[in-house]
């Protein structure tokens, strides 16, 4: 199989004159130059496609790194919120226990007085 740029794909003026006997030398040169330009364009396009693929690969890697960083930040934030919620629950339980202790101590009038004194 011949690849673009191989000598086998480039026809000489002699080969072109055998293929097109009615054409002038100048017309054969134009034909050959057009072939060369087409091949050059094909190679250029191929190189651009390869560069685009490389760029897309790099962008994909960057996106994956950003996603990983966001996941890590989300995990950290979630842990902080969980710790804060646990602290609030402990404080709530402590207050509940204080109120329950006040209610169990003495008669209702005394309970109200002690609750007012403790700021509840």
PDB file of N, CA and C in Angstrom:
ATOM      1  N   UNK A   1       0.850  -1.184   0.000  1.00  0.00           N
ATOM      2  CA  UNK A   1       0.000   0.000   0.000  1.00  0.00           C
ATOM      3  C   UNK A   1       0.888   1.238   0.000  1.00  0.00           C
ATOM      4  N   UNK A   2       0.540   2.182  -0.815  1.00  0.00           N
ATOM      5  CA  UNK A   2       1.336   3.404  -0.891  1.00  0.00           C
ATOM      6  C   UNK A   2       0.745   4.460   0.018  1.00  0.00           C
ATOM      7  N   UNK A   3       1.602   5.196   0.637  1.00  0.00           N
ATOM      8  CA  UNK A   3       1.188   6.257   1.541  1.00  0.00           C
ATOM      9  C   UNK A   3       1.375   7.601   0.848  1.00  0.00           C
ATOM     10  N   UNK A   4       0.633   8.621   1.263  1.00  0.00           N
ATOM     11  CA  UNK A   4       0.867   9.947   0.698  1.00  0.00           C
ATOM     12  C   UNK A   4       2.312  10.357   0.955  1.00  0.00           C
ATOM     13  N   UNK A   5       2.959  10.868  -0.066  1.00  0.00           N
ATOM     14  CA  UNK A   5       4.339  11.292   0.083  1.00  0.00           C
ATOM     15  C   UNK A   5       5.328  10.271  -0.444  1.00  0.00           C
ATOM     16  N   UNK A   6       4.892   9.032  -0.718  1.00  0.00           N
ATOM     17  CA  UNK A   6       5.790   8.039  -1.279  1.00  0.00           C
ATOM     18  C   UNK A   6       6.103   8.403  -2.721  1.00  0.00           C
ATOM     19  N   UNK A   7       7.249   7.962  -3.205  1.00  0.00           N
ATOM     20  CA  UNK A   7       7.617   8.212  -4.588  1.00  0.00           C
ATOM     21  C   UNK A   7       6.662   7.511  -5.547  1.00  0.00           C
ATOM     22  N   UNK A   8       6.071   6.415  -5.116  1.00  0.00           N
ATOM     23  CA  UNK A   8       5.190   5.659  -5.988  1.00  0.00           C
ATOM     24  C   UNK A   8       3.901   6.411  -6.285  1.00  0.00           C
ATOM     25  N   UNK A   9       3.498   7.305  -5.416  1.00  0.00           N
ATOM     26  CA  UNK A   9       2.249   8.047  -5.639  1.00  0.00           C
ATOM     27  C   UNK A   9       2.491   9.287  -6.488  1.00  0.00           C
ATOM     28  N   UNK A  10       3.737   9.731  -6.639  1.00  0.00           N
ATOM     29  CA  UNK A  10       4.061  10.917  -7.435  1.00  0.00           C
ATOM     30  C   UNK A  10       4.402  10.476  -8.850  1.00  0.00           C
ATOM     31  N   UNK A  11       3.645  10.988  -9.795  1.00  0.00           N
ATOM     32  CA  UNK A  11       3.892  10.623 -11.188  1.00  0.00           C
ATOM     33  C   UNK A  11       4.834  11.634 -11.815  1.00  0.00           C
ATOM     34  N   UNK A  12       5.717  11.118 -12.628  1.00  0.00           N
ATOM     35  CA  UNK A  12       6.634  11.989 -13.357  1.00  0.00           C
ATOM     36  C   UNK A  12       5.935  12.522 -14.596  1.00  0.00           C
ATOM     37  N   UNK A  13       6.552  13.524 -15.213  1.00  0.00           N
ATOM     38  CA  UNK A  13       6.001  14.090 -16.445  1.00  0.00           C
ATOM     39  C   UNK A  13       5.933  13.009 -17.527  1.00  0.00           C
ATOM     40  N   UNK A  14       6.933  12.143 -17.576  1.00  0.00           N
ATOM     41  CA  UNK A  14       6.944  11.072 -18.583  1.00  0.00           C
ATOM     42  C   UNK A  14       5.753  10.133 -18.387  1.00  0.00           C
ATOM     43  N   UNK A  15       5.491   9.741 -17.147  1.00  0.00           N
ATOM     44  CA  UNK A  15       4.338   8.872 -16.876  1.00  0.00           C
ATOM     45  C   UNK A  15       3.031   9.569 -17.226  1.00  0.00           C
ATOM     46  N   UNK A  16       2.933  10.861 -16.892  1.00  0.00           N
ATOM     47  CA  UNK A  16       1.725  11.616 -17.209  1.00  0.00           C
ATOM     48  C   UNK A  16       1.529  11.756 -18.713  1.00  0.00           C
ATOM     49  N   UNK A  17       2.637  11.926 -19.453  1.00  0.00           N
ATOM     50  CA  UNK A  17       2.515  12.069 -20.917  1.00  0.00           C
ATOM     51  C   UNK A  17       2.055  10.768 -21.555  1.00  0.00           C
ATOM     52  N   UNK A  18       2.428   9.623 -20.967  1.00  0.00           N
ATOM     53  CA  UNK A  18       1.944   8.342 -21.472  1.00  0.00           C
ATOM     54  C   UNK A  18       0.460   8.168 -21.159  1.00  0.00           C
ATOM     55  N   UNK A  19       0.066   8.657 -19.973  1.00  0.00           N
ATOM     56  CA  UNK A  19      -1.324   8.520 -19.544  1.00  0.00           C
ATOM     57  C   UNK A  19      -2.241   9.480 -20.309  1.00  0.00           C
ATOM     58  N   UNK A  20      -1.739  10.708 -20.592  1.00  0.00           N
ATOM     59  CA  UNK A  20      -2.520  11.725 -21.313  1.00  0.00           C
ATOM     60  C   UNK A  20      -1.730  12.188 -22.542  1.00  0.00           C
ATOM     61  N   UNK A  21      -1.754  11.447 -23.643  1.00  0.00           N
ATOM     62  CA  UNK A  21      -0.919  11.780 -24.811  1.00  0.00           C
ATOM     63  C   UNK A  21      -1.348  13.070 -25.525  1.00  0.00           C
ATOM     64  N   UNK A  22      -2.558  13.528 -25.347  1.00  0.00           N
ATOM     65  CA  UNK A  22      -3.037  14.719 -26.045  1.00  0.00           C
ATOM     66  C   UNK A  22      -2.750  16.015 -25.292  1.00  0.00           C
ATOM     67  N   UNK A  23      -2.219  15.933 -24.111  1.00  0.00           N
ATOM     68  CA  UNK A  23      -1.967  17.125 -23.285  1.00  0.00           C
ATOM     69  C   UNK A  23      -0.592  17.703 -23.607  1.00  0.00           C
ATOM     70  N   UNK A  24      -0.481  19.011 -23.437  1.00  0.00           N
ATOM     71  CA  UNK A  24       0.816  19.663 -23.633  1.00  0.00           C
ATOM     72  C   UNK A  24       1.650  19.510 -22.367  1.00  0.00           C
ATOM     73  N   UNK A  25       2.945  19.825 -22.503  1.00  0.00           N
ATOM     74  CA  UNK A  25       3.852  19.731 -21.364  1.00  0.00           C
ATOM     75  C   UNK A  25       3.381  20.641 -20.231  1.00  0.00           C
ATOM     76  N   UNK A  26       2.935  21.845 -20.568  1.00  0.00           N
ATOM     77  CA  UNK A  26       2.479  22.809 -19.560  1.00  0.00           C
ATOM     78  C   UNK A  26       1.232  22.286 -18.834  1.00  0.00           C
ATOM     79  N   UNK A  27       0.312  21.689 -19.567  1.00  0.00           N
ATOM     80  CA  UNK A  27      -0.895  21.133 -18.949  1.00  0.00           C
ATOM     81  C   UNK A  27      -0.547  19.972 -18.024  1.00  0.00           C
ATOM     82  N   UNK A  28       0.448  19.176 -18.434  1.00  0.00           N
ATOM     83  CA  UNK A  28       0.887  18.058 -17.583  1.00  0.00           C
ATOM     84  C   UNK A  28       1.537  18.573 -16.302  1.00  0.00           C
ATOM     85  N   UNK A  29       2.302  19.672 -16.422  1.00  0.00           N
ATOM     86  CA  UNK A  29       2.908  20.270 -15.228  1.00  0.00           C
ATOM     87  C   UNK A  29       1.835  20.775 -14.264  1.00  0.00           C
ATOM     88  N   UNK A  30       0.807  21.415 -14.819  1.00  0.00           N
ATOM     89  CA  UNK A  30      -0.291  21.906 -13.978  1.00  0.00           C
ATOM     90  C   UNK A  30      -0.966  20.739 -13.265  1.00  0.00           C
ATOM     91  N   UNK A  31      -1.168  19.650 -14.005  1.00  0.00           N
ATOM     92  CA  UNK A  31      -1.798  18.467 -13.424  1.00  0.00           C
ATOM     93  C   UNK A  31      -0.939  17.909 -12.292  1.00  0.00           C
ATOM     94  N   UNK A  32       0.369  17.809 -12.551  1.00  0.00           N
ATOM     95  CA  UNK A  32       1.288  17.289 -11.531  1.00  0.00           C
ATOM     96  C   UNK A  32       1.328  18.219 -10.318  1.00  0.00           C
ATOM     97  N   UNK A  33       1.369  19.533 -10.547  1.00  0.00           N
ATOM     98  CA  UNK A  33       1.389  20.494  -9.443  1.00  0.00           C
ATOM     99  C   UNK A  33       0.090  20.431  -8.633  1.00  0.00           C
ATOM    100  N   UNK A  34      -1.020  20.256  -9.318  1.00  0.00           N
ATOM    101  CA  UNK A  34      -2.300  20.127  -8.620  1.00  0.00           C
ATOM    102  C   UNK A  34      -2.289  18.880  -7.739  1.00  0.00           C
ATOM    103  N   UNK A  35      -1.719  17.800  -8.255  1.00  0.00           N
ATOM    104  CA  UNK A  35      -1.587  16.569  -7.465  1.00  0.00           C
ATOM    105  C   UNK A  35      -0.732  16.809  -6.222  1.00  0.00           C
ATOM    106  N   UNK A  36       0.369  17.493  -6.415  1.00  0.00           N
ATOM    107  CA  UNK A  36       1.267  17.778  -5.285  1.00  0.00           C
ATOM    108  C   UNK A  36       0.567  18.660  -4.242  1.00  0.00           C
ATOM    109  N   UNK A  37      -0.147  19.679  -4.724  1.00  0.00           N
ATOM    110  CA  UNK A  37      -0.863  20.564  -3.794  1.00  0.00           C
ATOM    111  C   UNK A  37      -1.930  19.800  -3.025  1.00  0.00           C
ATOM    112  N   UNK A  38      -2.636  18.924  -3.718  1.00  0.00           N
ATOM    113  CA  UNK A  38      -3.666  18.119  -3.053  1.00  0.00           C
ATOM    114  C   UNK A  38      -3.050  17.224  -1.987  1.00  0.00           C
ATOM    115  N   UNK A  39      -1.918  16.629  -2.315  1.00  0.00           N
ATOM    116  CA  UNK A  39      -1.236  15.760  -1.347  1.00  0.00           C
ATOM    117  C   UNK A  39      -0.731  16.568  -0.153  1.00  0.00           C
ATOM    118  N   UNK A  40      -0.184  17.753  -0.444  1.00  0.00           N
ATOM    119  CA  UNK A  40       0.300  18.607   0.645  1.00  0.00           C
ATOM    120  C   UNK A  40      -0.860  19.009   1.554  1.00  0.00           C
ATOM    121  N   UNK A  41      -1.997  19.324   0.954  1.00  0.00           N
ATOM    122  CA  UNK A  41      -3.173  19.691   1.748  1.00  0.00           C
ATOM    123  C   UNK A  41      -3.630  18.520   2.598  1.00  0.00           C
ATOM    124  N   UNK A  42      -3.599  17.327   2.030  1.00  0.00           N
ATOM    125  CA  UNK A  42      -4.001  16.129   2.758  1.00  0.00           C
ATOM    126  C   UNK A  42      -3.066  15.896   3.953  1.00  0.00           C
ATOM    127  N   UNK A  43      -1.772  16.056   3.731  1.00  0.00           N
ATOM    128  CA  UNK A  43      -0.797  15.877   4.821  1.00  0.00           C
ATOM    129  C   UNK A  43      -1.016  16.942   5.891  1.00  0.00           C
ATOM    130  N   UNK A  44      -1.242  18.190   5.456  1.00  0.00           N
ATOM    131  CA  UNK A  44      -1.476  19.283   6.395  1.00  0.00           C
ATOM    132  C   UNK A  44      -2.723  19.013   7.228  1.00  0.00           C
ATOM    133  N   UNK A  45      -3.784  18.567   6.574  1.00  0.00           N
ATOM    134  CA  UNK A  45      -5.032  18.253   7.283  1.00  0.00           C
ATOM    135  C   UNK A  45      -4.822  17.113   8.263  1.00  0.00           C
ATOM    136  N   UNK A  46      -4.059  16.132   7.846  1.00  0.00           N
ATOM    137  CA  UNK A  46      -3.775  14.989   8.719  1.00  0.00           C
ATOM    138  C   UNK A  46      -3.010  15.447   9.965  1.00  0.00           C
ATOM    139  N   UNK A  47      -2.043  16.329   9.767  1.00  0.00           N
ATOM    140  CA  UNK A  47      -1.276  16.844  10.909  1.00  0.00           C
ATOM    141  C   UNK A  47      -2.175  17.658  11.842  1.00  0.00           C
ATOM    142  N   UNK A  48      -3.070  18.468  11.261  1.00  0.00           N
ATOM    143  CA  UNK A  48      -3.998  19.241  12.092  1.00  0.00           C
ATOM    144  C   UNK A  48      -4.898  18.321  12.908  1.00  0.00           C
ATOM    145  N   UNK A  49      -5.377  17.256  12.283  1.00  0.00           N
ATOM    146  CA  UNK A  49      -6.227  16.302  12.994  1.00  0.00           C
ATOM    147  C   UNK A  49      -5.491  15.661  14.163  1.00  0.00           C
ATOM    148  N   UNK A  50      -4.234  15.311  13.941  1.00  0.00           N
ATOM    149  CA  UNK A  50      -3.438  14.715  15.022  1.00  0.00           C
ATOM    150  C   UNK A  50      -3.249  15.709  16.155  1.00  0.00           C
ATOM    151  N   UNK A  51      -2.989  16.979  15.813  1.00  0.00           N
ATOM    152  CA  UNK A  51      -2.822  18.001  16.843  1.00  0.00           C
ATOM    153  C   UNK A  51      -4.115  18.204  17.626  1.00  0.00           C
ATOM    154  N   UNK A  52      -5.237  18.199  16.914  1.00  0.00           N
ATOM    155  CA  UNK A  52      -6.529  18.351  17.595  1.00  0.00           C
ATOM    156  C   UNK A  52      -6.784  17.195  18.552  1.00  0.00           C
ATOM    157  N   UNK A  53      -6.433  15.991  18.130  1.00  0.00           N
ATOM    158  CA  UNK A  53      -6.612  14.828  19.003  1.00  0.00           C
ATOM    159  C   UNK A  53      -5.753  14.970  20.257  1.00  0.00           C
ATOM    160  N   UNK A  54      -4.516  15.437  20.078  1.00  0.00           N
ATOM    161  CA  UNK A  54      -3.637  15.635  21.236  1.00  0.00           C
ATOM    162  C   UNK A  54      -4.217  16.688  22.176  1.00  0.00           C
ATOM    163  N   UNK A  55      -4.706  17.801  21.593  1.00  0.00           N
ATOM    164  CA  UNK A  55      -5.289  18.870  22.410  1.00  0.00           C
ATOM    165  C   UNK A  55      -6.511  18.377  23.169  1.00  0.00           C
ATOM    166  N   UNK A  56      -7.350  17.591  22.490  1.00  0.00           N
ATOM    167  CA  UNK A  56      -8.531  17.056  23.147  1.00  0.00           C
ATOM    168  C   UNK A  56      -8.139  16.112  24.275  1.00  0.00           C
ATOM    169  N   UNK A  57      -7.086  15.338  24.064  1.00  0.00           N
ATOM    170  CA  UNK A  57      -6.602  14.444  25.124  1.00  0.00           C
ATOM    171  C   UNK A  57      -6.147  15.226  26.338  1.00  0.00           C
ATOM    172  N   UNK A  58      -5.430  16.324  26.089  1.00  0.00           N
ATOM    173  CA  UNK A  58      -4.960  17.161  27.192  1.00  0.00           C
ATOM    174  C   UNK A  58      -6.135  17.809  27.921  1.00  0.00           C
ATOM    175  N   UNK A  59      -7.134  18.285  27.149  1.00  0.00           N
ATOM    176  CA  UNK A  59      -8.306  18.896  27.766  1.00  0.00           C
ATOM    177  C   UNK A  59      -9.062  17.873  28.607  1.00  0.00           C
ATOM    178  N   UNK A  60      -9.134  16.642  28.114  1.00  0.00           N
ATOM    179  CA  UNK A  60      -9.799  15.575  28.870  1.00  0.00           C
ATOM    180  C   UNK A  60      -9.087  15.297  30.176  1.00  0.00           C
ATOM    181  N   UNK A  61      -7.741  15.289  30.131  1.00  0.00           N
ATOM    182  CA  UNK A  61      -6.967  15.061  31.352  1.00  0.00           C
ATOM    183  C   UNK A  61      -7.197  16.203  32.338  1.00  0.00           C
ATOM    184  N   UNK A  62      -7.207  17.451  31.830  1.00  0.00           N
ATOM    185  CA  UNK A  62      -7.438  18.605  32.700  1.00  0.00           C
ATOM    186  C   UNK A  62      -8.822  18.539  33.329  1.00  0.00           C
ATOM    187  N   UNK A  63      -9.805  18.148  32.543  1.00  0.00           N
ATOM    188  CA  UNK A  63     -11.164  18.042  33.071  1.00  0.00           C
ATOM    189  C   UNK A  63     -11.234  16.974  34.158  1.00  0.00           C
ATOM    190  N   UNK A  64     -10.551  15.857  33.943  1.00  0.00           N
ATOM    191  CA  UNK A  64     -10.542  14.798  34.952  1.00  0.00           C
ATOM    192  C   UNK A  64      -9.869  15.274  36.236  1.00  0.00           C
ATOM    193  N   UNK A  65      -8.795  16.041  36.106  1.00  0.00           N
ATOM    194  CA  UNK A  65      -8.126  16.575  37.296  1.00  0.00           C
ATOM    195  C   UNK A  65      -9.046  17.550  38.047  1.00  0.00           C
ATOM    196  N   UNK A  66      -9.770  18.391  37.289  1.00  0.00           N
ATOM    197  CA  UNK A  66     -10.698  19.321  37.932  1.00  0.00           C
ATOM    198  C   UNK A  66     -11.807  18.566  38.654  1.00  0.00           C
ATOM    199  N   UNK A  67     -12.327  17.537  38.031  1.00  0.00           N
ATOM    200  CA  UNK A  67     -13.387  16.740  38.653  1.00  0.00           C
ATOM    201  C   UNK A  67     -12.876  16.085  39.930  1.00  0.00           C
ATOM    202  N   UNK A  68     -11.666  15.551  39.882  1.00  0.00           N
ATOM    203  CA  UNK A  68     -11.085  14.916  41.067  1.00  0.00           C
ATOM    204  C   UNK A  68     -10.916  15.947  42.196  1.00  0.00           C
ATOM    205  N   UNK A  69     -10.473  17.164  41.848  1.00  0.00           N
ATOM    206  CA  UNK A  69     -10.298  18.209  42.859  1.00  0.00           C
ATOM    207  C   UNK A  69     -11.650  18.609  43.460  1.00  0.00           C
ATOM    208  N   UNK A  70     -12.663  18.719  42.613  1.00  0.00           N
ATOM    209  CA  UNK A  70     -13.996  19.066  43.109  1.00  0.00           C
ATOM    210  C   UNK A  70     -14.562  17.972  44.010  1.00  0.00           C
ATOM    211  N   UNK A  71     -14.337  16.714  43.644  1.00  0.00           N
ATOM    212  CA  UNK A  71     -14.795  15.608  44.483  1.00  0.00           C
ATOM    213  C   UNK A  71     -14.110  15.648  45.847  1.00  0.00           C
ATOM    214  N   UNK A  72     -12.814  15.927  45.845  1.00  0.00           N
ATOM    215  CA  UNK A  72     -12.069  15.999  47.099  1.00  0.00           C
ATOM    216  C   UNK A  72     -12.597  17.138  47.969  1.00  0.00           C
ATOM    217  N   UNK A  73     -12.858  18.294  47.345  1.00  0.00           N
ATOM    218  CA  UNK A  73     -13.386  19.438  48.091  1.00  0.00           C
ATOM    219  C   UNK A  73     -14.769  19.121  48.651  1.00  0.00           C
ATOM    220  N   UNK A  74     -15.598  18.452  47.854  1.00  0.00           N
ATOM    221  CA  UNK A  74     -16.933  18.060  48.307  1.00  0.00           C
ATOM    222  C   UNK A  74     -16.841  17.107  49.495  1.00  0.00           C
ATOM    223  N   UNK A  75     -15.919  16.166  49.417  1.00  0.00           N
ATOM    224  CA  UNK A  75     -15.727  15.220  50.516  1.00  0.00           C
ATOM    225  C   UNK A  75     -15.292  15.956  51.788  1.00  0.00           C
ATOM    226  N   UNK A  76     -14.373  16.903  51.649  1.00  0.00           N
ATOM    227  CA  UNK A  76     -13.891  17.677  52.794  1.00  0.00           C
ATOM    228  C   UNK A  76     -15.028  18.503  53.392  1.00  0.00           C
ATOM    229  N   UNK A  77     -15.792  19.181  52.524  1.00  0.00           N
ATOM    230  CA  UNK A  77     -16.916  19.988  53.017  1.00  0.00           C
ATOM    231  C   UNK A  77     -17.942  19.116  53.728  1.00  0.00           C
ATOM    232  N   UNK A  78     -18.228  17.963  53.153  1.00  0.00           N
ATOM    233  CA  UNK A  78     -19.215  17.055  53.758  1.00  0.00           C
ATOM    234  C   UNK A  78     -18.751  16.637  55.151  1.00  0.00           C
ATOM    235  N   UNK A  79     -17.465  16.338  55.312  1.00  0.00           N
ATOM    236  CA  UNK A  79     -16.946  15.953  56.632  1.00  0.00           C
ATOM    237  C   UNK A  79     -17.053  17.102  57.627  1.00  0.00           C
ATOM    238  N   UNK A  80     -16.763  18.317  57.159  1.00  0.00           N
ATOM    239  CA  UNK A  80     -16.872  19.471  58.054  1.00  0.00           C
ATOM    240  C   UNK A  80     -18.319  19.667  58.508  1.00  0.00           C
ATOM    241  N   UNK A  81     -19.250  19.566  57.564  1.00  0.00           N
ATOM    242  CA  UNK A  81     -20.667  19.721  57.925  1.00  0.00           C
ATOM    243  C   UNK A  81     -21.131  18.612  58.868  1.00  0.00           C
ATOM    244  N   UNK A  82     -20.660  17.411  58.639  1.00  0.00           N
ATOM    245  CA  UNK A  82     -21.027  16.290  59.509  1.00  0.00           C
ATOM    246  C   UNK A  82     -20.496  16.535  60.921  1.00  0.00           C
ATOM    247  N   UNK A  83     -19.260  17.006  61.037  1.00  0.00           N
ATOM    248  CA  UNK A  83     -18.684  17.298  62.357  1.00  0.00           C
ATOM    249  C   UNK A  83     -19.466  18.403  63.066  1.00  0.00           C
ATOM    250  N   UNK A  84     -19.847  19.433  62.310  1.00  0.00           N
ATOM    251  CA  UNK A  84     -20.617  20.530  62.894  1.00  0.00           C
ATOM    252  C   UNK A  84     -21.990  20.035  63.361  1.00  0.00           C
ATOM    253  N   UNK A  85     -22.627  19.204  62.567  1.00  0.00           N
ATOM    254  CA  UNK A  85     -23.928  18.651  62.944  1.00  0.00           C
ATOM    255  C   UNK A  85     -23.802  17.781  64.196  1.00  0.00           C
ATOM    256  N   UNK A  86     -22.749  16.979  64.271  1.00  0.00           N
ATOM    257  CA  UNK A  86     -22.532  16.156  65.464  1.00  0.00           C
ATOM    258  C   UNK A  86     -22.342  17.022  66.707  1.00  0.00           C
ATOM    259  N   UNK A  87     -21.613  18.134  66.559  1.00  0.00           N
ATOM    260  CA  UNK A  87     -21.395  19.044  67.690  1.00  0.00           C
ATOM    261  C   UNK A  87     -22.730  19.646  68.146  1.00  0.00           C
ATOM    262  N   UNK A  88     -23.545  20.061  67.191  1.00  0.00           N
ATOM    263  CA  UNK A  88     -24.849  20.649  67.535  1.00  0.00           C
ATOM    264  C   UNK A  88     -25.741  19.614  68.210  1.00  0.00           C
ATOM    265  N   UNK A  89     -25.702  18.372  67.747  1.00  0.00           N
ATOM    266  CA  UNK A  89     -26.503  17.313  68.378  1.00  0.00           C
ATOM    267  C   UNK A  89     -26.056  17.078  69.820  1.00  0.00           C
ATOM    268  N   UNK A  90     -24.744  17.077  70.055  1.00  0.00           N
ATOM    269  CA  UNK A  90     -24.238  16.890  71.425  1.00  0.00           C
ATOM    270  C   UNK A  90     -24.700  18.019  72.340  1.00  0.00           C
ATOM    271  N   UNK A  91     -24.602  19.262  71.829  1.00  0.00           N
ATOM    272  CA  UNK A  91     -25.055  20.401  72.626  1.00  0.00           C
ATOM    273  C   UNK A  91     -26.552  20.299  72.915  1.00  0.00           C
ATOM    274  N   UNK A  92     -27.322  19.887  71.925  1.00  0.00           N
ATOM    275  CA  UNK A  92     -28.760  19.726  72.112  1.00  0.00           C
ATOM    276  C   UNK A  92     -29.054  18.647  73.166  1.00  0.00           C
ATOM    277  N   UNK A  93     -28.330  17.543  73.109  1.00  0.00           N
ATOM    278  CA  UNK A  93     -28.513  16.485  74.104  1.00  0.00           C
ATOM    279  C   UNK A  93     -28.140  16.973  75.505  1.00  0.00           C
ATOM    280  N   UNK A  94     -27.056  17.739  75.605  1.00  0.00           N
ATOM    281  CA  UNK A  94     -26.655  18.283  76.899  1.00  0.00           C
ATOM    282  C   UNK A  94     -27.751  19.195  77.467  1.00  0.00           C
ATOM    283  N   UNK A  95     -28.306  20.055  76.629  1.00  0.00           N
ATOM    284  CA  UNK A  95     -29.387  20.937  77.085  1.00  0.00           C
ATOM    285  C   UNK A  95     -30.620  20.125  77.492  1.00  0.00           C
ATOM    286  N   UNK A  96     -30.917  19.103  76.730  1.00  0.00           N
ATOM    287  CA  UNK A  96     -32.054  18.242  77.063  1.00  0.00           C
ATOM    288  C   UNK A  96     -31.837  17.583  78.427  1.00  0.00           C
ATOM    289  N   UNK A  97     -30.640  17.101  78.641  1.00  0.00           N
ATOM    290  CA  UNK A  97     -30.331  16.457  79.925  1.00  0.00           C
ATOM    291  C   UNK A  97     -30.428  17.457  81.087  1.00  0.00           C
ATOM    292  N   UNK A  98     -29.980  18.687  80.852  1.00  0.00           N
ATOM    293  CA  UNK A  98     -30.081  19.707  81.909  1.00  0.00           C
ATOM    294  C   UNK A  98     -31.542  19.995  82.241  1.00  0.00           C
ATOM    295  N   UNK A  99     -32.365  20.138  81.219  1.00  0.00           N
ATOM    296  CA  UNK A  99     -33.781  20.405  81.447  1.00  0.00           C
ATOM    297  C   UNK A  99     -34.427  19.226  82.164  1.00  0.00           C
ATOM    298  N   UNK A 100     -34.115  18.004  81.740  1.00  0.00           N
ATOM    299  CA  UNK A 100     -34.680  16.816  82.373  1.00  0.00           C
ATOM    300  C   UNK A 100     -34.254  16.742  83.832  1.00  0.00           C
ATOM    301  N   UNK A 101     -33.001  17.076  84.133  1.00  0.00           N
ATOM    302  CA  UNK A 101     -32.523  17.057  85.508  1.00  0.00           C
ATOM    303  C   UNK A 101     -33.247  18.094  86.344  1.00  0.00           C
ATOM    304  N   UNK A 102     -33.485  19.264  85.772  1.00  0.00           N
ATOM    305  CA  UNK A 102     -34.210  20.301  86.502  1.00  0.00           C
ATOM    306  C   UNK A 102     -35.645  19.864  86.790  1.00  0.00           C
ATOM    307  N   UNK A 103     -36.257  19.186  85.829  1.00  0.00           N
ATOM    308  CA  UNK A 103     -37.644  18.751  86.011  1.00  0.00           C
ATOM    309  C   UNK A 103     -37.763  17.639  87.042  1.00  0.00           C
ATOM    310  N   UNK A 104     -36.746  16.841  87.217  1.00  0.00           N
ATOM    311  CA  UNK A 104     -36.806  15.711  88.137  1.00  0.00           C
ATOM    312  C   UNK A 104     -36.452  16.094  89.578  1.00  0.00           C
ATOM    313  N   UNK A 105     -35.882  17.259  89.816  1.00  0.00           N
ATOM    314  CA  UNK A 105     -35.381  17.613  91.144  1.00  0.00           C
ATOM    315  C   UNK A 105     -36.492  17.799  92.175  1.00  0.00           C
ATOM    316  N   UNK A 106     -37.344  18.752  91.972  1.00  0.00           N
ATOM    317  CA  UNK A 106     -38.307  19.112  93.014  1.00  0.00           C
ATOM    318  C   UNK A 106     -39.691  19.401  92.447  1.00  0.00           C
ATOM    319  N   UNK A 107     -40.515  20.002  93.267  1.00  0.00           N
ATOM    320  CA  UNK A 107     -41.888  20.288  92.858  1.00  0.00           C
ATOM    321  C   UNK A 107     -41.933  21.285  91.692  1.00  0.00           C
ATOM    322  N   UNK A 108     -43.096  21.431  91.065  1.00  0.00           N
ATOM    323  CA  UNK A 108     -43.203  22.272  89.865  1.00  0.00           C
ATOM    324  C   UNK A 108     -42.811  23.720  90.105  1.00  0.00           C
ATOM    325  N   UNK A 109     -43.158  24.315  91.227  1.00  0.00           N
ATOM    326  CA  UNK A 109     -42.810  25.717  91.483  1.00  0.00           C
ATOM    327  C   UNK A 109     -41.301  25.865  91.606  1.00  0.00           C
ATOM    328  N   UNK A 110     -40.703  24.924  92.257  1.00  0.00           N
ATOM    329  CA  UNK A 110     -39.242  24.965  92.435  1.00  0.00           C
ATOM    330  C   UNK A 110     -38.552  24.756  91.087  1.00  0.00           C
ATOM    331  N   UNK A 111     -39.111  23.881  90.239  1.00  0.00           N
ATOM    332  CA  UNK A 111     -38.534  23.628  88.911  1.00  0.00           C
ATOM    333  C   UNK A 111     -38.528  24.904  88.076  1.00  0.00           C
ATOM    334  N   UNK A 112     -39.631  25.605  88.102  1.00  0.00           N
ATOM    335  CA  UNK A 112     -39.737  26.833  87.320  1.00  0.00           C
ATOM    336  C   UNK A 112     -38.732  27.855  87.812  1.00  0.00           C
ATOM    337  N   UNK A 113     -38.606  27.966  89.122  1.00  0.00           N
ATOM    338  CA  UNK A 113     -37.655  28.931  89.697  1.00  0.00           C
ATOM    339  C   UNK A 113     -36.227  28.589  89.274  1.00  0.00           C
ATOM    340  N   UNK A 114     -35.852  27.311  89.368  1.00  0.00           N
ATOM    341  CA  UNK A 114     -34.483  26.909  89.012  1.00  0.00           C
ATOM    342  C   UNK A 114     -34.260  27.075  87.512  1.00  0.00           C
ATOM    343  N   UNK A 115     -35.270  26.796  86.703  1.00  0.00           N
ATOM    344  CA  UNK A 115     -35.129  26.977  85.241  1.00  0.00           C
ATOM    345  C   UNK A 115     -34.890  28.444  84.913  1.00  0.00           C
ATOM    346  N   UNK A 116     -35.602  29.325  85.598  1.00  0.00           N
ATOM    347  CA  UNK A 116     -35.424  30.753  85.359  1.00  0.00           C
ATOM    348  C   UNK A 116     -34.046  31.203  85.811  1.00  0.00           C
ATOM    349  N   UNK A 117     -33.582  30.677  86.886  1.00  0.00           N
ATOM    350  CA  UNK A 117     -32.253  31.052  87.400  1.00  0.00           C
ATOM    351  C   UNK A 117     -31.148  30.572  86.462  1.00  0.00           C
ATOM    352  N   UNK A 118     -31.341  29.400  85.867  1.00  0.00           N
ATOM    353  CA  UNK A 118     -30.293  28.872  85.000  1.00  0.00           C
ATOM    354  C   UNK A 118     -30.347  29.478  83.596  1.00  0.00           C
ATOM    355  N   UNK A 119     -31.388  30.297  83.325  1.00  0.00           N
ATOM    356  CA  UNK A 119     -31.454  30.989  82.040  1.00  0.00           C
ATOM    357  C   UNK A 119     -32.232  30.238  81.000  1.00  0.00           C
ATOM    358  N   UNK A 120     -32.945  29.223  81.400  1.00  0.00           N
ATOM    359  CA  UNK A 120     -33.731  28.466  80.419  1.00  0.00           C
ATOM    360  C   UNK A 120     -35.076  28.998  80.297  1.00  0.00           C
TER     361      UNK A 120
END
